[in-house]
Amino acid sequence: MKRLAEKVILIMGATRGIGQTCAEMFAKEGASVILTGRDVDRGEAVAKGILDTEGAAQFLACDVTEPQSVENVVDETLKRFGAIDVLINSAGGSGNSDGPVTTGSIEEFWHKLRVDHFGTYLAMRYVIPSMIERGGGSVINIVSVAGFGKLTGERAGYSAAKAAVINLTRSTARTFAKDRVRVNAIAPAGVATERIKRMLLDRPEAQALVATQQFGLIDPKDIAYAALFLASDEARMITGHILPVDAASFAD
């Protein structure tokens, strides 16, 4: 039997990168996957690719920074499928560098907080009540080793946003453990997504980060495998944890 058979998975930010890889892997493991994102053409193409391999997938357009947009996606998912067993928050801010606190872009700083932190908050706000009603569920937030203060101050907004999500993960896990809602996060180092590859072309700080990684850039599948475990019943006693996937690059 497939590991996620009969489970409904909602992935916020699934049109590319880690979210897309999770969607494709989870569908192969028997889940019904709902992909969200702002890029409609891209999202529908990803969903079609999954359907073409006999997986179950649907795309719903969503802006994670807009409460009504997130609530609508959750309501539509519940209407179509009757449940959300797993929520993955993988939407990320732009690839633009926010810079250090003294000279960085204020607009980019707030953008990263709105997408990464506020977007995660909104998704959990609207999904968790349905999980409580059904007797439990699993939430997986994609963060970063940057949230542990492992990067230089060149990415102040990104680091702050991921740190906020780490603490939001822990506090939410404590609050809803009694309801059997598990809340965990995965903290990758540099992942071989298209956005990261573009960053490496002209950003010394990004190149320096990858240079510390024992095996170079991490394959998005390695993040998806970690998420697959946390989504499965095999992890039913795990909640409130932040799982680094960094090849010991930042081991303390």
C-alpha atoms as a PDB file:
ATOM      1  CA  MET A   1       0.000   0.000   0.000  1.00  0.00           C
ATOM      2  CA  LYS A   2       1.276   3.461  -0.848  1.00  0.00           C
ATOM      3  CA  ARG A   3       2.375   5.585   2.111  1.00  0.00           C
ATOM      4  CA  LEU A   4      -0.081   8.430   1.520  1.00  0.00           C
ATOM      5  CA  ALA A   5      -3.009   6.487   0.095  1.00  0.00           C
ATOM      6  CA  GLU A   6      -6.347   8.266   0.574  1.00  0.00           C
ATOM      7  CA  LYS A   7      -4.705  11.361   2.078  1.00  0.00           C
ATOM      8  CA  VAL A   8      -5.475  14.877   0.893  1.00  0.00           C
ATOM      9  CA  ILE A   9      -2.448  17.183   0.755  1.00  0.00           C
ATOM     10  CA  LEU A  10      -2.662  20.960   0.365  1.00  0.00           C
ATOM     11  CA  ILE A  11       0.621  22.539  -0.739  1.00  0.00           C
ATOM     12  CA  MET A  12       0.956  26.304  -0.552  1.00  0.00           C
ATOM     13  CA  GLY A  13       3.506  27.335  -3.156  1.00  0.00           C
ATOM     14  CA  ALA A  14       3.708  24.278  -5.412  1.00  0.00           C
ATOM     15  CA  THR A  15       4.353  25.695  -8.866  1.00  0.00           C
ATOM     16  CA  ARG A  16       8.114  25.199  -8.707  1.00  0.00           C
ATOM     17  CA  GLY A  17      11.026  24.192  -6.492  1.00  0.00           C
ATOM     18  CA  ILE A  18      10.483  22.269  -3.265  1.00  0.00           C
ATOM     19  CA  GLY A  19       6.698  22.577  -3.386  1.00  0.00           C
ATOM     20  CA  GLN A  20       6.493  21.149  -6.893  1.00  0.00           C
ATOM     21  CA  THR A  21       8.813  18.281  -6.002  1.00  0.00           C
ATOM     22  CA  CYS A  22       6.702  17.464  -2.938  1.00  0.00           C
ATOM     23  CA  ALA A  23       3.541  17.499  -5.052  1.00  0.00           C
ATOM     24  CA  GLU A  24       4.982  15.091  -7.604  1.00  0.00           C
ATOM     25  CA  MET A  25       6.393  12.722  -4.983  1.00  0.00           C
ATOM     26  CA  PHE A  26       3.286  12.725  -2.804  1.00  0.00           C
ATOM     27  CA  ALA A  27       1.027  11.999  -5.765  1.00  0.00           C
ATOM     28  CA  LYS A  28       3.165   8.951  -6.577  1.00  0.00           C
ATOM     29  CA  GLU A  29       2.615   7.815  -2.990  1.00  0.00           C
ATOM     30  CA  GLY A  30      -1.144   7.826  -3.484  1.00  0.00           C
ATOM     31  CA  ALA A  31      -2.173  11.250  -2.192  1.00  0.00           C
ATOM     32  CA  SER A  32      -4.670  13.623  -3.751  1.00  0.00           C
ATOM     33  CA  VAL A  33      -2.626  16.800  -4.110  1.00  0.00           C
ATOM     34  CA  ILE A  34      -3.924  20.356  -4.287  1.00  0.00           C
ATOM     35  CA  LEU A  35      -1.275  22.717  -5.636  1.00  0.00           C
ATOM     36  CA  THR A  36      -1.480  26.466  -5.100  1.00  0.00           C
ATOM     37  CA  GLY A  37       0.410  29.483  -6.367  1.00  0.00           C
ATOM     38  CA  ARG A  38       0.026  32.777  -8.210  1.00  0.00           C
ATOM     39  CA  ASP A  39       1.338  31.551 -11.570  1.00  0.00           C
ATOM     40  CA  VAL A  40      -1.770  29.945 -13.074  1.00  0.00           C
ATOM     41  CA  ASP A  41      -0.126  28.673 -16.271  1.00  0.00           C
ATOM     42  CA  ARG A  42       2.745  27.117 -14.373  1.00  0.00           C
ATOM     43  CA  GLY A  43       0.483  25.617 -11.718  1.00  0.00           C
ATOM     44  CA  GLU A  44      -1.849  24.032 -14.242  1.00  0.00           C
ATOM     45  CA  ALA A  45       1.131  22.619 -16.135  1.00  0.00           C
ATOM     46  CA  VAL A  46       2.501  21.000 -12.974  1.00  0.00           C
ATOM     47  CA  ALA A  47      -0.913  19.536 -12.147  1.00  0.00           C
ATOM     48  CA  LYS A  48      -1.273  18.198 -15.700  1.00  0.00           C
ATOM     49  CA  GLY A  49       2.153  16.583 -15.452  1.00  0.00           C
ATOM     50  CA  ILE A  50       1.017  14.737 -12.339  1.00  0.00           C
ATOM     51  CA  LEU A  51      -2.268  13.705 -13.948  1.00  0.00           C
ATOM     52  CA  ASP A  52      -0.384  12.408 -16.990  1.00  0.00           C
ATOM     53  CA  THR A  53       1.461   9.981 -14.709  1.00  0.00           C
ATOM     54  CA  GLU A  54      -1.847   8.761 -13.254  1.00  0.00           C
ATOM     55  CA  GLY A  55      -1.546  10.839 -10.099  1.00  0.00           C
ATOM     56  CA  ALA A  56      -4.346  12.909  -8.562  1.00  0.00           C
ATOM     57  CA  ALA A  57      -3.754  16.664  -8.611  1.00  0.00           C
ATOM     58  CA  GLN A  58      -5.621  19.942  -8.937  1.00  0.00           C
ATOM     59  CA  PHE A  59      -4.371  23.513  -9.073  1.00  0.00           C
ATOM     60  CA  LEU A  60      -6.000  26.433  -7.277  1.00  0.00           C
ATOM     61  CA  ALA A  61      -4.710  29.979  -7.699  1.00  0.00           C
ATOM     62  CA  CYS A  62      -3.772  31.638  -4.412  1.00  0.00           C
ATOM     63  CA  ASP A  63      -1.926  34.655  -3.034  1.00  0.00           C
ATOM     64  CA  VAL A  64      -0.719  33.586   0.411  1.00  0.00           C
ATOM     65  CA  THR A  65      -0.457  37.195   1.585  1.00  0.00           C
ATOM     66  CA  GLU A  66      -4.199  37.780   1.143  1.00  0.00           C
ATOM     67  CA  PRO A  67      -6.423  36.293   3.887  1.00  0.00           C
ATOM     68  CA  GLN A  68      -9.478  35.945   1.649  1.00  0.00           C
ATOM     69  CA  SER A  69      -7.470  34.167  -1.046  1.00  0.00           C
ATOM     70  CA  VAL A  70      -6.102  31.630   1.431  1.00  0.00           C
ATOM     71  CA  GLU A  71      -9.486  31.093   3.063  1.00  0.00           C
ATOM     72  CA  ASN A  72     -11.097  30.542  -0.346  1.00  0.00           C
ATOM     73  CA  VAL A  73      -8.531  27.883  -1.282  1.00  0.00           C
ATOM     74  CA  VAL A  74      -9.038  26.050   2.000  1.00  0.00           C
ATOM     75  CA  ASP A  75     -12.827  26.203   1.671  1.00  0.00           C
ATOM     76  CA  GLU A  76     -12.693  24.970  -1.932  1.00  0.00           C
ATOM     77  CA  THR A  77     -10.379  22.097  -0.993  1.00  0.00           C
ATOM     78  CA  LEU A  78     -12.678  21.015   1.822  1.00  0.00           C
ATOM     79  CA  LYS A  79     -15.672  21.295  -0.489  1.00  0.00           C
ATOM     80  CA  ARG A  80     -14.072  19.097  -3.158  1.00  0.00           C
ATOM     81  CA  PHE A  81     -12.302  16.543  -0.966  1.00  0.00           C
ATOM     82  CA  GLY A  82     -13.962  16.768   2.446  1.00  0.00           C
ATOM     83  CA  ALA A  83     -10.696  16.970   4.362  1.00  0.00           C
ATOM     84  CA  ILE A  84      -7.130  18.231   4.480  1.00  0.00           C
ATOM     85  CA  ASP A  85      -4.860  15.625   6.043  1.00  0.00           C
ATOM     86  CA  VAL A  86      -1.572  17.408   5.415  1.00  0.00           C
ATOM     87  CA  LEU A  87      -0.697  21.073   4.898  1.00  0.00           C
ATOM     88  CA  ILE A  88       2.685  22.029   3.467  1.00  0.00           C
ATOM     89  CA  ASN A  89       3.712  25.673   3.579  1.00  0.00           C
ATOM     90  CA  SER A  90       6.319  26.058   0.849  1.00  0.00           C
ATOM     91  CA  ALA A  91       5.535  29.480  -0.584  1.00  0.00           C
ATOM     92  CA  GLY A  92       8.613  31.698  -0.525  1.00  0.00           C
ATOM     93  CA  GLY A  93       9.383  35.340  -1.107  1.00  0.00           C
ATOM     94  CA  SER A  94      11.106  36.642  -4.202  1.00  0.00           C
ATOM     95  CA  GLY A  95      14.683  35.792  -5.024  1.00  0.00           C
ATOM     96  CA  ASN A  96      15.660  39.428  -4.581  1.00  0.00           C
ATOM     97  CA  SER A  97      18.193  40.046  -1.831  1.00  0.00           C
ATOM     98  CA  ASP A  98      16.833  42.137   1.025  1.00  0.00           C
ATOM     99  CA  GLY A  99      20.323  43.116   2.200  1.00  0.00           C
ATOM    100  CA  PRO A 100      21.615  44.061   5.665  1.00  0.00           C
ATOM    101  CA  VAL A 101      19.505  46.061   8.117  1.00  0.00           C
ATOM    102  CA  THR A 102      21.429  49.281   7.475  1.00  0.00           C
ATOM    103  CA  THR A 103      21.120  49.450   3.704  1.00  0.00           C
ATOM    104  CA  GLY A 104      18.692  46.762   2.578  1.00  0.00           C
ATOM    105  CA  SER A 105      15.374  47.313   0.852  1.00  0.00           C
ATOM    106  CA  ILE A 106      12.558  47.996   3.308  1.00  0.00           C
ATOM    107  CA  GLU A 107      10.004  46.874   0.723  1.00  0.00           C
ATOM    108  CA  GLU A 108      11.802  43.557   0.186  1.00  0.00           C
ATOM    109  CA  PHE A 109      12.113  43.028   3.948  1.00  0.00           C
ATOM    110  CA  TRP A 110       8.355  43.356   4.405  1.00  0.00           C
ATOM    111  CA  HIS A 111       7.651  41.265   1.318  1.00  0.00           C
ATOM    112  CA  LYS A 112       9.589  38.341   2.741  1.00  0.00           C
ATOM    113  CA  LEU A 113       7.836  38.621   6.091  1.00  0.00           C
ATOM    114  CA  ARG A 114       4.427  38.745   4.417  1.00  0.00           C
ATOM    115  CA  VAL A 115       5.013  35.744   2.156  1.00  0.00           C
ATOM    116  CA  ASP A 116       7.046  33.488   4.432  1.00  0.00           C
ATOM    117  CA  HIS A 117       5.717  34.337   7.892  1.00  0.00           C
ATOM    118  CA  PHE A 118       2.256  35.835   7.409  1.00  0.00           C
ATOM    119  CA  GLY A 119       1.458  33.413   4.581  1.00  0.00           C
ATOM    120  CA  THR A 120       2.308  30.441   6.794  1.00  0.00           C
ATOM    121  CA  TYR A 121       0.237  31.901   9.621  1.00  0.00           C
ATOM    122  CA  LEU A 122      -2.786  32.349   7.348  1.00  0.00           C
ATOM    123  CA  ALA A 123      -2.665  28.818   5.968  1.00  0.00           C
ATOM    124  CA  MET A 124      -2.451  27.290   9.439  1.00  0.00           C
ATOM    125  CA  ARG A 125      -5.198  29.609  10.708  1.00  0.00           C
ATOM    126  CA  TYR A 126      -7.683  28.365   8.120  1.00  0.00           C
ATOM    127  CA  VAL A 127      -6.619  24.701   7.840  1.00  0.00           C
ATOM    128  CA  ILE A 128      -6.053  23.629  11.447  1.00  0.00           C
ATOM    129  CA  PRO A 129      -9.717  23.960  12.555  1.00  0.00           C
ATOM    130  CA  SER A 130     -10.717  21.341   9.973  1.00  0.00           C
ATOM    131  CA  MET A 131      -7.923  19.060  11.187  1.00  0.00           C
ATOM    132  CA  ILE A 132      -9.133  19.398  14.777  1.00  0.00           C
ATOM    133  CA  GLU A 133     -12.647  18.515  13.683  1.00  0.00           C
ATOM    134  CA  ARG A 134     -11.388  15.336  11.979  1.00  0.00           C
ATOM    135  CA  GLY A 135      -9.220  14.296  14.908  1.00  0.00           C
ATOM    136  CA  GLY A 136      -5.786  15.356  13.696  1.00  0.00           C
ATOM    137  CA  GLY A 137      -3.487  16.186  10.827  1.00  0.00           C
ATOM    138  CA  SER A 138       0.038  17.161   9.891  1.00  0.00           C
ATOM    139  CA  VAL A 139       1.445  20.606   9.103  1.00  0.00           C
ATOM    140  CA  ILE A 140       4.897  20.915   7.544  1.00  0.00           C
ATOM    141  CA  ASN A 141       6.512  24.333   7.210  1.00  0.00           C
ATOM    142  CA  ILE A 142       9.499  24.764   4.905  1.00  0.00           C
ATOM    143  CA  VAL A 143      11.967  27.093   6.602  1.00  0.00           C
ATOM    144  CA  SER A 144      15.758  27.394   6.254  1.00  0.00           C
ATOM    145  CA  VAL A 145      18.985  27.153   8.191  1.00  0.00           C
ATOM    146  CA  ALA A 146      18.899  30.941   7.819  1.00  0.00           C
ATOM    147  CA  GLY A 147      16.259  30.899  10.548  1.00  0.00           C
ATOM    148  CA  PHE A 148      18.910  29.677  12.994  1.00  0.00           C
ATOM    149  CA  GLY A 149      21.083  32.714  12.261  1.00  0.00           C
ATOM    150  CA  LYS A 150      23.417  30.685  10.051  1.00  0.00           C
ATOM    151  CA  LEU A 151      23.708  33.265   7.270  1.00  0.00           C
ATOM    152  CA  THR A 152      25.387  36.644   7.191  1.00  0.00           C
ATOM    153  CA  GLY A 153      23.349  39.804   7.621  1.00  0.00           C
ATOM    154  CA  GLU A 154      23.093  40.190   3.853  1.00  0.00           C
ATOM    155  CA  ARG A 155      19.666  38.523   4.036  1.00  0.00           C
ATOM    156  CA  ALA A 156      18.154  40.163   7.103  1.00  0.00           C
ATOM    157  CA  GLY A 157      14.537  39.919   5.978  1.00  0.00           C
ATOM    158  CA  TYR A 158      14.787  36.309   4.832  1.00  0.00           C
ATOM    159  CA  SER A 159      16.521  35.217   8.037  1.00  0.00           C
ATOM    160  CA  ALA A 160      13.999  37.073  10.195  1.00  0.00           C
ATOM    161  CA  ALA A 161      11.039  35.582   8.331  1.00  0.00           C
ATOM    162  CA  LYS A 162      12.329  32.022   8.622  1.00  0.00           C
ATOM    163  CA  ALA A 163      13.163  32.487  12.326  1.00  0.00           C
ATOM    164  CA  ALA A 164       9.617  33.709  12.874  1.00  0.00           C
ATOM    165  CA  VAL A 165       8.184  30.625  11.166  1.00  0.00           C
ATOM    166  CA  ILE A 166      10.407  28.347  13.266  1.00  0.00           C
ATOM    167  CA  ASN A 167       9.003  29.804  16.474  1.00  0.00           C
ATOM    168  CA  LEU A 168       5.472  29.850  15.055  1.00  0.00           C
ATOM    169  CA  THR A 169       5.903  26.147  14.299  1.00  0.00           C
ATOM    170  CA  ARG A 170       6.955  25.318  17.842  1.00  0.00           C
ATOM    171  CA  SER A 171       4.281  27.377  19.569  1.00  0.00           C
ATOM    172  CA  THR A 172       1.530  26.049  17.297  1.00  0.00           C
ATOM    173  CA  ALA A 173       2.681  22.473  17.899  1.00  0.00           C
ATOM    174  CA  ARG A 174       2.377  22.958  21.650  1.00  0.00           C
ATOM    175  CA  THR A 175      -1.041  24.554  21.351  1.00  0.00           C
ATOM    176  CA  PHE A 176      -2.617  21.829  19.230  1.00  0.00           C
ATOM    177  CA  ALA A 177      -0.807  18.686  20.387  1.00  0.00           C
ATOM    178  CA  LYS A 178      -3.882  17.818  22.458  1.00  0.00           C
ATOM    179  CA  ASP A 179      -5.898  17.823  19.223  1.00  0.00           C
ATOM    180  CA  ARG A 180      -3.462  15.467  17.476  1.00  0.00           C
ATOM    181  CA  VAL A 181      -2.443  18.149  15.011  1.00  0.00           C
ATOM    182  CA  ARG A 182       1.275  17.730  14.399  1.00  0.00           C
ATOM    183  CA  VAL A 183       3.270  20.795  13.360  1.00  0.00           C
ATOM    184  CA  ASN A 184       6.879  20.446  12.217  1.00  0.00           C
ATOM    185  CA  ALA A 185       9.302  22.278   9.957  1.00  0.00           C
ATOM    186  CA  ILE A 186      12.119  21.345   7.602  1.00  0.00           C
ATOM    187  CA  ALA A 187      15.178  23.596   7.480  1.00  0.00           C
ATOM    188  CA  PRO A 188      17.251  23.065   4.327  1.00  0.00           C
ATOM    189  CA  ALA A 189      20.571  24.618   3.463  1.00  0.00           C
ATOM    190  CA  GLY A 190      21.053  25.616  -0.194  1.00  0.00           C
ATOM    191  CA  VAL A 191      18.704  23.639  -2.449  1.00  0.00           C
ATOM    192  CA  ALA A 192      19.168  23.172  -6.199  1.00  0.00           C
ATOM    193  CA  THR A 193      16.059  25.076  -7.255  1.00  0.00           C
ATOM    194  CA  GLU A 194      16.020  27.341 -10.292  1.00  0.00           C
ATOM    195  CA  ARG A 195      15.907  30.393  -8.030  1.00  0.00           C
ATOM    196  CA  ILE A 196      18.990  29.341  -6.080  1.00  0.00           C
ATOM    197  CA  LYS A 197      20.862  28.553  -9.285  1.00  0.00           C
ATOM    198  CA  ARG A 198      20.143  32.070 -10.545  1.00  0.00           C
ATOM    199  CA  MET A 199      21.314  33.558  -7.252  1.00  0.00           C
ATOM    200  CA  LEU A 200      24.644  31.778  -7.549  1.00  0.00           C
ATOM    201  CA  LEU A 201      25.443  33.609 -10.758  1.00  0.00           C
ATOM    202  CA  ASP A 202      26.070  36.994  -9.166  1.00  0.00           C
ATOM    203  CA  ARG A 203      25.834  36.779  -5.383  1.00  0.00           C
ATOM    204  CA  PRO A 204      29.027  36.107  -3.440  1.00  0.00           C
ATOM    205  CA  GLU A 205      27.107  35.440  -0.199  1.00  0.00           C
ATOM    206  CA  ALA A 206      25.125  32.653  -1.877  1.00  0.00           C
ATOM    207  CA  GLN A 207      28.288  31.156  -3.345  1.00  0.00           C
ATOM    208  CA  ALA A 208      29.884  31.234   0.107  1.00  0.00           C
ATOM    209  CA  LEU A 209      26.928  29.350   1.584  1.00  0.00           C
ATOM    210  CA  VAL A 210      27.126  26.564  -0.989  1.00  0.00           C
ATOM    211  CA  ALA A 211      30.883  26.304  -0.434  1.00  0.00           C
ATOM    212  CA  THR A 212      30.192  25.241   3.179  1.00  0.00           C
ATOM    213  CA  GLN A 213      27.878  22.410   2.147  1.00  0.00           C
ATOM    214  CA  GLN A 214      29.489  18.998   2.223  1.00  0.00           C
ATOM    215  CA  PHE A 215      27.772  17.709  -0.928  1.00  0.00           C
ATOM    216  CA  GLY A 216      27.072  20.930  -2.801  1.00  0.00           C
ATOM    217  CA  LEU A 217      23.506  21.993  -3.493  1.00  0.00           C
ATOM    218  CA  ILE A 218      20.832  19.755  -2.019  1.00  0.00           C
ATOM    219  CA  ASP A 219      18.452  17.979  -4.389  1.00  0.00           C
ATOM    220  CA  PRO A 220      14.824  19.122  -3.847  1.00  0.00           C
ATOM    221  CA  LYS A 221      13.916  15.428  -3.623  1.00  0.00           C
ATOM    222  CA  ASP A 222      15.858  15.203  -0.366  1.00  0.00           C
ATOM    223  CA  ILE A 223      13.558  17.836   1.129  1.00  0.00           C
ATOM    224  CA  ALA A 224      10.515  16.055  -0.282  1.00  0.00           C
ATOM    225  CA  TYR A 225      11.628  12.750   1.261  1.00  0.00           C
ATOM    226  CA  ALA A 226      11.835  14.436   4.673  1.00  0.00           C
ATOM    227  CA  ALA A 227       8.381  15.934   4.144  1.00  0.00           C
ATOM    228  CA  LEU A 228       7.045  12.543   3.050  1.00  0.00           C
ATOM    229  CA  PHE A 229       8.135  11.035   6.353  1.00  0.00           C
ATOM    230  CA  LEU A 230       6.616  13.861   8.415  1.00  0.00           C
ATOM    231  CA  ALA A 231       3.382  13.619   6.430  1.00  0.00           C
ATOM    232  CA  SER A 232       3.075   9.877   6.922  1.00  0.00           C
ATOM    233  CA  ASP A 233       1.662   7.947   9.860  1.00  0.00           C
ATOM    234  CA  GLU A 234       5.213   6.795  10.584  1.00  0.00           C
ATOM    235  CA  ALA A 235       5.806  10.220  12.184  1.00  0.00           C
ATOM    236  CA  ARG A 236       2.627  10.188  14.266  1.00  0.00           C
ATOM    237  CA  MET A 237       4.507  10.914  17.519  1.00  0.00           C
ATOM    238  CA  ILE A 238       6.686  13.705  16.109  1.00  0.00           C
ATOM    239  CA  THR A 239       5.582  17.310  16.553  1.00  0.00           C
ATOM    240  CA  GLY A 240       7.192  20.633  17.369  1.00  0.00           C
ATOM    241  CA  HIS A 241      10.497  19.774  15.715  1.00  0.00           C
ATOM    242  CA  ILE A 242      12.663  21.543  13.158  1.00  0.00           C
ATOM    243  CA  LEU A 243      14.430  19.027  10.917  1.00  0.00           C
ATOM    244  CA  PRO A 244      17.630  20.337   9.283  1.00  0.00           C
ATOM    245  CA  VAL A 245      18.435  18.897   5.868  1.00  0.00           C
ATOM    246  CA  ASP A 246      21.863  20.412   5.362  1.00  0.00           C
ATOM    247  CA  ALA A 247      24.425  17.583   5.076  1.00  0.00           C
ATOM    248  CA  ALA A 248      25.929  18.712   8.416  1.00  0.00           C
ATOM    249  CA  SER A 249      26.935  22.046   6.916  1.00  0.00           C
ATOM    250  CA  PHE A 250      25.739  23.864  10.024  1.00  0.00           C
ATOM    251  CA  ALA A 251      25.979  21.136  12.648  1.00  0.00           C
ATOM    252  CA  ASP A 252      26.503  22.597  16.116  1.00  0.00           C
END
